Amino acid sequence: MGLIISFLYSFWLCVISQLPLEEVYLKSTHFLYEWYVVWTIIFASIFALIVLFIWVISGFSVKQMNTETVLPKIGIFLGIVGITSTFSAVPLIIFAVRRGLYVGSAFLLSTALIYGSAGYQWDYARLIIGGILLLITMVSRRSSSCD
């Protein structure tokens, strides 16, 4: 979705605002970078709230147990927290790698065009690596159900 919005934004900048192509590239890739950073923060917050909610619910369910000693309750609670952490570790790793690729590729693309004393100059290494990382992210998103 971010790529589509960035493309539409660059089209608007180029056709309506009639900015030079270098400015269009810089503004649209910077927008893409900010888009991915904001959505990464939002998704990470939602993920953290879900894990925290599961921990709180498990704590309340352990509290309702009919055991007279505290030690079994603590053990069961820590077991539930451990199981929850284990099951959330794999999606967390997938999430971190995928969102890292999104943000990293957009950052590399947005810093690939540098304004120097001789005008605008391309850093081809950043441009190629950023494009490859973005392509890998898009292909992996299509082939996986997690995201």
N, C-alpha and C. Protein backbone atom coordinates (compact mmCIF):
# COMPACT_ATOMS: atom_id res chain seq x y z
N MET A 1 0.82 -1.19 0.00
CA MET A 1 0.00 0.00 0.00
C MET A 1 0.86 1.25 0.00
N GLY A 2 1.97 1.21 0.74
CA GLY A 2 2.85 2.36 0.80
C GLY A 2 3.47 2.69 -0.54
N LEU A 3 3.82 1.63 -1.30
CA LEU A 3 4.38 1.87 -2.63
C LEU A 3 3.38 2.53 -3.56
N ILE A 4 2.14 2.12 -3.48
CA ILE A 4 1.10 2.70 -4.34
C ILE A 4 0.88 4.16 -3.97
N ILE A 5 0.79 4.46 -2.69
CA ILE A 5 0.59 5.85 -2.26
C ILE A 5 1.81 6.69 -2.63
N SER A 6 3.00 6.14 -2.47
CA SER A 6 4.22 6.87 -2.84
C SER A 6 4.26 7.13 -4.35
N PHE A 7 3.84 6.16 -5.13
CA PHE A 7 3.78 6.35 -6.58
C PHE A 7 2.78 7.43 -6.95
N LEU A 8 1.60 7.40 -6.34
CA LEU A 8 0.59 8.44 -6.63
C LEU A 8 1.08 9.81 -6.19
N TYR A 9 1.77 9.87 -5.06
CA TYR A 9 2.34 11.13 -4.58
C TYR A 9 3.39 11.66 -5.55
N SER A 10 4.25 10.77 -6.04
CA SER A 10 5.27 11.21 -6.99
C SER A 10 4.65 11.63 -8.31
N PHE A 11 3.59 10.96 -8.73
CA PHE A 11 2.88 11.36 -9.95
C PHE A 11 2.29 12.76 -9.78
N TRP A 12 1.69 13.00 -8.61
CA TRP A 12 1.12 14.33 -8.34
C TRP A 12 2.21 15.40 -8.31
N LEU A 13 3.33 15.10 -7.68
CA LEU A 13 4.43 16.06 -7.62
C LEU A 13 4.99 16.37 -9.02
N CYS A 14 5.07 15.35 -9.85
CA CYS A 14 5.66 15.52 -11.17
C CYS A 14 4.71 16.23 -12.13
N VAL A 15 3.46 15.81 -12.15
CA VAL A 15 2.51 16.34 -13.14
C VAL A 15 1.87 17.64 -12.66
N ILE A 16 1.35 17.67 -11.47
CA ILE A 16 0.62 18.84 -10.98
C ILE A 16 1.58 19.93 -10.53
N SER A 17 2.55 19.56 -9.68
CA SER A 17 3.46 20.56 -9.13
C SER A 17 4.61 20.89 -10.07
N GLN A 18 4.88 20.03 -11.04
CA GLN A 18 5.93 20.20 -12.03
C GLN A 18 7.31 20.44 -11.38
N LEU A 19 7.60 19.64 -10.39
CA LEU A 19 8.91 19.70 -9.75
C LEU A 19 9.92 18.92 -10.61
N PRO A 20 11.20 19.23 -10.47
CA PRO A 20 12.21 18.42 -11.17
C PRO A 20 12.19 16.98 -10.67
N LEU A 21 12.60 16.06 -11.52
CA LEU A 21 12.54 14.64 -11.18
C LEU A 21 13.35 14.29 -9.94
N GLU A 22 14.44 14.99 -9.72
CA GLU A 22 15.25 14.72 -8.53
C GLU A 22 14.46 15.04 -7.26
N GLU A 23 13.77 16.17 -7.27
CA GLU A 23 12.96 16.54 -6.10
C GLU A 23 11.80 15.57 -5.91
N VAL A 24 11.20 15.14 -7.01
CA VAL A 24 10.10 14.18 -6.93
C VAL A 24 10.60 12.88 -6.31
N TYR A 25 11.76 12.41 -6.76
CA TYR A 25 12.32 11.17 -6.22
C TYR A 25 12.60 11.31 -4.72
N LEU A 26 13.25 12.41 -4.33
CA LEU A 26 13.59 12.59 -2.92
C LEU A 26 12.35 12.67 -2.04
N LYS A 27 11.35 13.43 -2.48
CA LYS A 27 10.14 13.58 -1.66
C LYS A 27 9.34 12.28 -1.58
N SER A 28 9.22 11.57 -2.70
CA SER A 28 8.41 10.35 -2.68
C SER A 28 9.09 9.23 -1.90
N THR A 29 10.41 9.09 -2.01
CA THR A 29 11.08 8.03 -1.25
C THR A 29 11.16 8.38 0.24
N HIS A 30 11.27 9.66 0.56
CA HIS A 30 11.23 10.05 1.97
C HIS A 30 9.84 9.80 2.55
N PHE A 31 8.80 10.05 1.76
CA PHE A 31 7.44 9.73 2.20
C PHE A 31 7.30 8.24 2.44
N LEU A 32 7.86 7.42 1.53
CA LEU A 32 7.78 5.96 1.69
C LEU A 32 8.50 5.51 2.96
N TYR A 33 9.65 6.11 3.23
CA TYR A 33 10.39 5.79 4.45
C TYR A 33 9.56 6.13 5.69
N GLU A 34 9.00 7.32 5.72
CA GLU A 34 8.18 7.72 6.87
C GLU A 34 6.95 6.84 7.01
N TRP A 35 6.34 6.46 5.91
CA TRP A 35 5.16 5.58 5.92
C TRP A 35 5.51 4.26 6.58
N TYR A 36 6.63 3.66 6.17
CA TYR A 36 7.01 2.37 6.74
C TYR A 36 7.40 2.48 8.21
N VAL A 37 8.04 3.57 8.61
CA VAL A 37 8.41 3.74 10.02
C VAL A 37 7.15 3.88 10.87
N VAL A 38 6.20 4.69 10.45
CA VAL A 38 4.97 4.90 11.23
C VAL A 38 4.19 3.60 11.36
N TRP A 39 4.02 2.86 10.26
CA TRP A 39 3.26 1.62 10.33
C TRP A 39 4.00 0.54 11.10
N THR A 40 5.31 0.56 11.09
CA THR A 40 6.07 -0.39 11.90
C THR A 40 5.83 -0.13 13.38
N ILE A 41 5.82 1.13 13.77
CA ILE A 41 5.55 1.48 15.17
C ILE A 41 4.14 1.07 15.56
N ILE A 42 3.17 1.32 14.69
CA ILE A 42 1.78 0.94 14.98
C ILE A 42 1.64 -0.57 15.12
N PHE A 43 2.20 -1.32 14.16
CA PHE A 43 2.08 -2.78 14.22
C PHE A 43 2.82 -3.36 15.42
N ALA A 44 3.97 -2.80 15.76
CA ALA A 44 4.72 -3.29 16.93
C ALA A 44 3.94 -3.02 18.21
N SER A 45 3.27 -1.88 18.30
CA SER A 45 2.46 -1.57 19.48
C SER A 45 1.29 -2.53 19.61
N ILE A 46 0.63 -2.83 18.50
CA ILE A 46 -0.49 -3.78 18.53
C ILE A 46 0.01 -5.17 18.94
N PHE A 47 1.13 -5.59 18.40
CA PHE A 47 1.69 -6.90 18.74
C PHE A 47 2.02 -6.96 20.23
N ALA A 48 2.63 -5.90 20.75
CA ALA A 48 2.99 -5.87 22.18
C ALA A 48 1.74 -5.88 23.05
N LEU A 49 0.69 -5.17 22.64
CA LEU A 49 -0.56 -5.17 23.42
C LEU A 49 -1.22 -6.54 23.42
N ILE A 50 -1.15 -7.25 22.31
CA ILE A 50 -1.74 -8.59 22.27
C ILE A 50 -1.01 -9.53 23.23
N VAL A 51 0.32 -9.50 23.21
CA VAL A 51 1.09 -10.36 24.12
C VAL A 51 0.82 -9.96 25.57
N LEU A 52 0.78 -8.67 25.85
CA LEU A 52 0.50 -8.20 27.21
C LEU A 52 -0.90 -8.62 27.64
N PHE A 53 -1.86 -8.55 26.75
CA PHE A 53 -3.24 -8.96 27.06
C PHE A 53 -3.29 -10.45 27.41
N ILE A 54 -2.56 -11.27 26.67
CA ILE A 54 -2.53 -12.70 26.97
C ILE A 54 -1.91 -12.94 28.34
N TRP A 55 -0.86 -12.21 28.67
CA TRP A 55 -0.24 -12.35 29.99
C TRP A 55 -1.21 -11.94 31.10
N VAL A 56 -1.93 -10.86 30.90
CA VAL A 56 -2.88 -10.40 31.93
C VAL A 56 -4.01 -11.39 32.10
N ILE A 57 -4.56 -11.89 31.01
CA ILE A 57 -5.63 -12.88 31.09
C ILE A 57 -5.14 -14.15 31.78
N SER A 58 -3.91 -14.58 31.47
CA SER A 58 -3.39 -15.78 32.13
C SER A 58 -3.17 -15.52 33.62
N GLY A 59 -2.78 -14.30 33.98
CA GLY A 59 -2.63 -13.97 35.40
C GLY A 59 -3.95 -14.02 36.14
N PHE A 60 -5.03 -13.51 35.52
CA PHE A 60 -6.34 -13.56 36.15
C PHE A 60 -6.86 -14.99 36.24
N SER A 61 -6.56 -15.80 35.22
CA SER A 61 -7.03 -17.19 35.28
C SER A 61 -6.29 -17.98 36.36
N VAL A 62 -5.02 -17.70 36.56
CA VAL A 62 -4.26 -18.38 37.62
C VAL A 62 -4.76 -17.91 38.98
N LYS A 63 -5.14 -16.65 39.10
CA LYS A 63 -5.63 -16.13 40.37
C LYS A 63 -6.91 -16.82 40.81
N GLN A 64 -7.71 -17.25 39.85
CA GLN A 64 -8.99 -17.89 40.17
C GLN A 64 -8.85 -19.36 40.54
N MET A 65 -7.65 -19.91 40.49
CA MET A 65 -7.45 -21.32 40.84
C MET A 65 -7.71 -21.55 42.33
N ASN A 66 -8.13 -22.73 42.64
CA ASN A 66 -8.48 -23.06 44.03
C ASN A 66 -7.34 -23.79 44.74
N THR A 67 -6.16 -23.25 44.71
CA THR A 67 -5.06 -23.83 45.47
C THR A 67 -4.77 -22.91 46.64
N GLU A 68 -4.38 -23.52 47.75
CA GLU A 68 -4.16 -22.73 48.95
C GLU A 68 -2.77 -22.13 49.02
N THR A 69 -1.81 -22.70 48.35
CA THR A 69 -0.45 -22.17 48.40
C THR A 69 -0.20 -21.30 47.17
N VAL A 70 0.74 -20.42 47.32
CA VAL A 70 1.05 -19.46 46.25
C VAL A 70 1.98 -20.06 45.22
N LEU A 71 2.84 -21.00 45.64
CA LEU A 71 3.87 -21.53 44.76
C LEU A 71 3.31 -22.18 43.48
N PRO A 72 2.25 -23.00 43.54
CA PRO A 72 1.73 -23.55 42.29
C PRO A 72 1.17 -22.46 41.36
N LYS A 73 0.58 -21.43 41.94
CA LYS A 73 0.05 -20.34 41.11
C LYS A 73 1.17 -19.62 40.37
N ILE A 74 2.27 -19.37 41.08
CA ILE A 74 3.40 -18.68 40.45
C ILE A 74 4.00 -19.56 39.36
N GLY A 75 4.12 -20.84 39.63
CA GLY A 75 4.68 -21.76 38.64
C GLY A 75 3.82 -21.85 37.40
N ILE A 76 2.51 -21.95 37.58
CA ILE A 76 1.61 -22.03 36.44
C ILE A 76 1.63 -20.71 35.66
N PHE A 77 1.64 -19.59 36.37
CA PHE A 77 1.69 -18.29 35.69
C PHE A 77 2.97 -18.15 34.87
N LEU A 78 4.11 -18.52 35.46
CA LEU A 78 5.38 -18.43 34.73
C LEU A 78 5.39 -19.39 33.54
N GLY A 79 4.76 -20.55 33.70
CA GLY A 79 4.65 -21.48 32.58
C GLY A 79 3.83 -20.90 31.44
N ILE A 80 2.71 -20.26 31.78
CA ILE A 80 1.87 -19.64 30.74
C ILE A 80 2.62 -18.49 30.06
N VAL A 81 3.32 -17.69 30.86
CA VAL A 81 4.11 -16.60 30.28
C VAL A 81 5.20 -17.16 29.37
N GLY A 82 5.84 -18.23 29.78
CA GLY A 82 6.88 -18.85 28.95
C GLY A 82 6.33 -19.41 27.65
N ILE A 83 5.17 -20.08 27.73
CA ILE A 83 4.55 -20.62 26.52
C ILE A 83 4.13 -19.48 25.59
N THR A 84 3.55 -18.44 26.14
CA THR A 84 3.14 -17.29 25.33
C THR A 84 4.34 -16.64 24.67
N SER A 85 5.41 -16.50 25.43
CA SER A 85 6.63 -15.89 24.87
C SER A 85 7.21 -16.76 23.77
N THR A 86 7.18 -18.07 23.96
CA THR A 86 7.72 -18.97 22.95
C THR A 86 6.89 -18.90 21.67
N PHE A 87 5.57 -18.94 21.81
CA PHE A 87 4.72 -18.89 20.62
C PHE A 87 4.72 -17.53 19.95
N SER A 88 5.03 -16.49 20.68
CA SER A 88 5.08 -15.17 20.05
C SER A 88 6.46 -14.83 19.52
N ALA A 89 7.45 -15.66 19.81
CA ALA A 89 8.82 -15.37 19.36
C ALA A 89 8.95 -15.53 17.85
N VAL A 90 8.36 -16.58 17.29
CA VAL A 90 8.48 -16.80 15.85
C VAL A 90 7.78 -15.68 15.06
N PRO A 91 6.53 -15.33 15.37
CA PRO A 91 5.95 -14.19 14.64
C PRO A 91 6.70 -12.89 14.89
N LEU A 92 7.28 -12.74 16.08
CA LEU A 92 8.05 -11.53 16.36
C LEU A 92 9.30 -11.46 15.49
N ILE A 93 9.97 -12.58 15.30
CA ILE A 93 11.16 -12.60 14.45
C ILE A 93 10.78 -12.32 13.00
N ILE A 94 9.71 -12.94 12.52
CA ILE A 94 9.25 -12.70 11.15
C ILE A 94 8.86 -11.23 10.99
N PHE A 95 8.15 -10.70 11.97
CA PHE A 95 7.75 -9.29 11.93
C PHE A 95 8.95 -8.37 11.90
N ALA A 96 9.93 -8.64 12.77
CA ALA A 96 11.10 -7.76 12.87
C ALA A 96 11.92 -7.79 11.58
N VAL A 97 12.10 -8.96 11.00
CA VAL A 97 12.88 -9.05 9.76
C VAL A 97 12.14 -8.36 8.62
N ARG A 98 10.86 -8.65 8.49
CA ARG A 98 10.11 -8.06 7.38
C ARG A 98 10.00 -6.55 7.49
N ARG A 99 9.66 -6.05 8.68
CA ARG A 99 9.55 -4.59 8.84
C ARG A 99 10.92 -3.93 8.75
N GLY A 100 11.97 -4.63 9.20
CA GLY A 100 13.31 -4.10 9.03
C GLY A 100 13.69 -3.98 7.57
N LEU A 101 13.27 -4.95 6.76
CA LEU A 101 13.51 -4.85 5.32
C LEU A 101 12.74 -3.69 4.70
N TYR A 102 11.50 -3.52 5.12
CA TYR A 102 10.71 -2.38 4.61
C TYR A 102 11.40 -1.06 4.92
N VAL A 103 11.70 -0.85 6.19
CA VAL A 103 12.27 0.43 6.62
C VAL A 103 13.68 0.60 6.05
N GLY A 104 14.48 -0.45 6.07
CA GLY A 104 15.84 -0.36 5.56
C GLY A 104 15.90 -0.08 4.07
N SER A 105 15.05 -0.75 3.31
CA SER A 105 15.05 -0.51 1.87
C SER A 105 14.57 0.89 1.54
N ALA A 106 13.55 1.36 2.23
CA ALA A 106 13.07 2.72 1.98
C ALA A 106 14.12 3.75 2.39
N PHE A 107 14.84 3.48 3.48
CA PHE A 107 15.91 4.40 3.88
C PHE A 107 17.01 4.45 2.84
N LEU A 108 17.43 3.28 2.36
CA LEU A 108 18.48 3.25 1.34
C LEU A 108 18.04 3.95 0.07
N LEU A 109 16.80 3.75 -0.33
CA LEU A 109 16.30 4.42 -1.53
C LEU A 109 16.21 5.93 -1.33
N SER A 110 15.81 6.36 -0.14
CA SER A 110 15.66 7.80 0.08
C SER A 110 16.99 8.51 0.23
N THR A 111 18.06 7.77 0.54
CA THR A 111 19.38 8.40 0.65
C THR A 111 20.27 8.09 -0.55
N ALA A 112 19.70 7.52 -1.60
CA ALA A 112 20.50 7.18 -2.78
C ALA A 112 20.80 8.38 -3.66
N LEU A 113 20.02 9.43 -3.56
CA LEU A 113 20.26 10.64 -4.35
C LEU A 113 20.78 11.72 -3.42
N ILE A 114 22.00 12.17 -3.68
CA ILE A 114 22.68 13.11 -2.78
C ILE A 114 22.90 14.42 -3.53
N TYR A 115 22.62 15.51 -2.83
CA TYR A 115 22.89 16.82 -3.42
C TYR A 115 24.24 17.29 -2.94
N GLY A 116 25.15 17.46 -3.87
CA GLY A 116 26.49 17.90 -3.52
C GLY A 116 26.85 19.18 -4.24
N SER A 117 28.13 19.49 -4.26
CA SER A 117 28.59 20.73 -4.89
C SER A 117 28.43 20.68 -6.41
N ALA A 118 28.43 19.49 -6.98
CA ALA A 118 28.27 19.35 -8.43
C ALA A 118 26.81 19.08 -8.81
N GLY A 119 25.89 19.27 -7.89
CA GLY A 119 24.48 18.99 -8.16
C GLY A 119 24.07 17.65 -7.58
N TYR A 120 23.05 17.08 -8.14
CA TYR A 120 22.56 15.78 -7.66
C TYR A 120 23.44 14.66 -8.18
N GLN A 121 23.78 13.75 -7.27
CA GLN A 121 24.60 12.60 -7.63
C GLN A 121 23.97 11.34 -7.05
N TRP A 122 23.99 10.27 -7.83
CA TRP A 122 23.41 9.01 -7.39
C TRP A 122 24.46 8.17 -6.68
N ASP A 123 24.04 7.57 -5.59
CA ASP A 123 24.84 6.55 -4.93
C ASP A 123 24.26 5.21 -5.38
N TYR A 124 24.87 4.63 -6.39
CA TYR A 124 24.30 3.45 -7.04
C TYR A 124 24.26 2.24 -6.12
N ALA A 125 25.20 2.15 -5.20
CA ALA A 125 25.19 1.01 -4.27
C ALA A 125 23.93 1.05 -3.40
N ARG A 126 23.61 2.21 -2.85
CA ARG A 126 22.40 2.33 -2.03
C ARG A 126 21.15 2.11 -2.87
N LEU A 127 21.16 2.62 -4.08
CA LEU A 127 20.00 2.48 -4.96
C LEU A 127 19.75 1.01 -5.30
N ILE A 128 20.79 0.29 -5.66
CA ILE A 128 20.63 -1.11 -6.05
C ILE A 128 20.29 -1.97 -4.84
N ILE A 129 20.99 -1.79 -3.73
CA ILE A 129 20.71 -2.60 -2.54
C ILE A 129 19.31 -2.30 -2.00
N GLY A 130 18.93 -1.03 -1.96
CA GLY A 130 17.58 -0.68 -1.51
C GLY A 130 16.50 -1.26 -2.40
N GLY A 131 16.73 -1.23 -3.71
CA GLY A 131 15.76 -1.82 -4.64
C GLY A 131 15.65 -3.33 -4.48
N ILE A 132 16.79 -3.99 -4.30
CA ILE A 132 16.79 -5.45 -4.11
C ILE A 132 16.10 -5.82 -2.80
N LEU A 133 16.38 -5.07 -1.73
CA LEU A 133 15.71 -5.37 -0.44
C LEU A 133 14.21 -5.15 -0.54
N LEU A 134 13.79 -4.10 -1.23
CA LEU A 134 12.35 -3.86 -1.39
C LEU A 134 11.71 -4.96 -2.23
N LEU A 135 12.41 -5.41 -3.26
CA LEU A 135 11.91 -6.50 -4.08
C LEU A 135 11.80 -7.80 -3.28
N ILE A 136 12.81 -8.09 -2.47
CA ILE A 136 12.77 -9.28 -1.61
C ILE A 136 11.59 -9.20 -0.65
N THR A 137 11.36 -8.02 -0.09
CA THR A 137 10.25 -7.85 0.84
C THR A 137 8.91 -8.08 0.16
N MET A 138 8.76 -7.54 -1.03
CA MET A 138 7.50 -7.72 -1.75
C MET A 138 7.28 -9.17 -2.16
N VAL A 139 8.33 -9.85 -2.60
CA VAL A 139 8.21 -11.26 -3.00
C VAL A 139 7.92 -12.13 -1.78
N SER A 140 8.59 -11.86 -0.66
CA SER A 140 8.36 -12.68 0.54
C SER A 140 6.97 -12.42 1.11
N ARG A 141 6.45 -11.24 0.92
CA ARG A 141 5.09 -10.95 1.40
C ARG A 141 4.07 -11.72 0.60
N ARG A 142 4.30 -11.86 -0.69
CA ARG A 142 3.37 -12.60 -1.54
C ARG A 142 3.41 -14.10 -1.26
N SER A 143 4.57 -14.61 -0.86
CA SER A 143 4.71 -16.04 -0.67
C SER A 143 4.42 -16.49 0.76
N SER A 144 4.18 -15.57 1.66
CA SER A 144 3.93 -15.91 3.06
C SER A 144 2.60 -15.35 3.51
N SER A 145 1.99 -16.01 4.48
CA SER A 145 0.71 -15.53 4.98
C SER A 145 0.88 -14.64 6.20
N CYS A 146 2.09 -14.55 6.75
CA CYS A 146 2.34 -13.73 7.93
C CYS A 146 2.69 -12.31 7.53
N ASP A 147 2.00 -11.33 8.09
CA ASP A 147 2.36 -9.90 7.99
C ASP A 147 1.24 -9.04 8.47
